Amino acid sequence: MSRSAKRKPVTLDEIEAGLDLIARLMEKFPREAELLTPHWRALVFQRDKRIEAATILAAAKERLTRSPDRTARQSS
């Protein structure tokens, strides 16, 4: 089994912790802060992707609970 197959996906909390860490590093090392911007962008992108996916999944679930009769009609 490959190493990546054993890993759990990074959680939203871990992404947020990464952003906190980068923010602290940017504050502590202002002359090098610009070097961290690609990492910041990558984490923000991943965070926003996760939030968007969770929002879509919640909307789909909510839609099904709102209209169970419509779903049943379409599957018959």
Protein backbone atom coordinates (compact mmCIF):
# COMPACT_ATOMS: atom_id res chain seq x y z
CA MET A 1 0.00 0.00 0.00
CA SER A 2 1.41 3.39 -0.93
CA ARG A 3 2.16 6.01 1.67
CA SER A 4 -0.47 8.42 0.31
CA ALA A 5 -3.16 5.72 0.43
CA LYS A 6 -2.74 5.46 4.22
CA ARG A 7 -3.18 9.18 4.86
CA LYS A 8 -6.44 10.70 5.98
CA PRO A 9 -7.56 13.83 4.12
CA VAL A 10 -6.55 17.10 5.71
CA THR A 11 -9.40 18.55 7.73
CA LEU A 12 -10.80 22.06 7.53
CA ASP A 13 -9.52 22.66 11.08
CA GLU A 14 -6.02 21.67 9.99
CA ILE A 15 -6.19 24.06 7.04
CA GLU A 16 -7.32 26.86 9.38
CA ALA A 17 -4.45 26.01 11.75
CA GLY A 18 -2.06 26.24 8.80
CA LEU A 19 -3.38 29.69 7.95
CA ASP A 20 -2.92 30.74 11.58
CA LEU A 21 0.66 29.47 11.52
CA ILE A 22 1.47 31.28 8.29
CA ALA A 23 -0.08 34.50 9.65
CA ARG A 24 2.13 34.24 12.76
CA LEU A 25 5.21 33.61 10.62
CA MET A 26 4.38 36.59 8.40
CA GLU A 27 4.11 38.78 11.47
CA LYS A 28 7.29 37.43 13.05
CA PHE A 29 9.34 37.65 9.85
CA PRO A 30 7.93 40.62 7.90
CA ARG A 31 10.90 40.80 5.51
CA GLU A 32 10.25 37.22 4.39
CA ALA A 33 6.44 37.39 4.61
CA GLU A 34 6.03 37.70 0.85
CA LEU A 35 7.71 34.32 0.41
CA LEU A 36 4.83 32.73 2.32
CA THR A 37 2.07 34.16 0.12
CA PRO A 38 1.99 31.13 -2.24
CA HIS A 39 1.40 28.87 0.76
CA TRP A 40 -1.29 31.23 2.06
CA ARG A 41 -3.02 31.23 -1.35
CA ALA A 42 -2.89 27.44 -1.58
CA LEU A 43 -4.43 26.99 1.86
CA VAL A 44 -7.15 29.57 1.20
CA PHE A 45 -7.95 27.82 -2.09
CA GLN A 46 -8.23 24.43 -0.37
CA ARG A 47 -10.31 25.90 2.47
CA ASP A 48 -12.71 27.60 0.07
CA LYS A 49 -13.00 24.42 -2.01
CA ARG A 50 -13.92 22.39 1.08
CA ILE A 51 -16.45 24.98 2.25
CA GLU A 52 -18.04 25.15 -1.20
CA ALA A 53 -18.29 21.35 -1.42
CA ALA A 54 -19.83 21.15 2.07
CA THR A 55 -22.32 23.88 1.14
CA ILE A 56 -23.32 22.06 -2.04
CA LEU A 57 -23.74 18.74 -0.20
CA ALA A 58 -25.83 20.40 2.52
CA ALA A 59 -28.03 22.10 -0.11
CA ALA A 60 -28.57 18.81 -1.92
CA LYS A 61 -29.48 17.04 1.32
CA GLU A 62 -31.82 19.85 2.32
CA ARG A 63 -33.47 19.73 -1.11
CA LEU A 64 -34.20 16.04 -0.70
CA THR A 65 -35.74 16.55 2.73
CA ARG A 66 -37.91 19.40 1.39
CA SER A 67 -39.36 17.44 -1.49
CA PRO A 68 -39.44 13.69 -0.87
CA ASP A 69 -42.55 13.23 -3.03
CA ARG A 70 -40.90 14.87 -6.05
CA THR A 71 -37.86 12.62 -5.67
CA ALA A 72 -40.07 9.51 -5.45
CA ARG A 73 -42.03 10.51 -8.58
CA GLN A 74 -38.85 11.05 -10.60
CA SER A 75 -37.36 7.68 -9.66
CA SER A 76 -40.44 5.68 -10.67
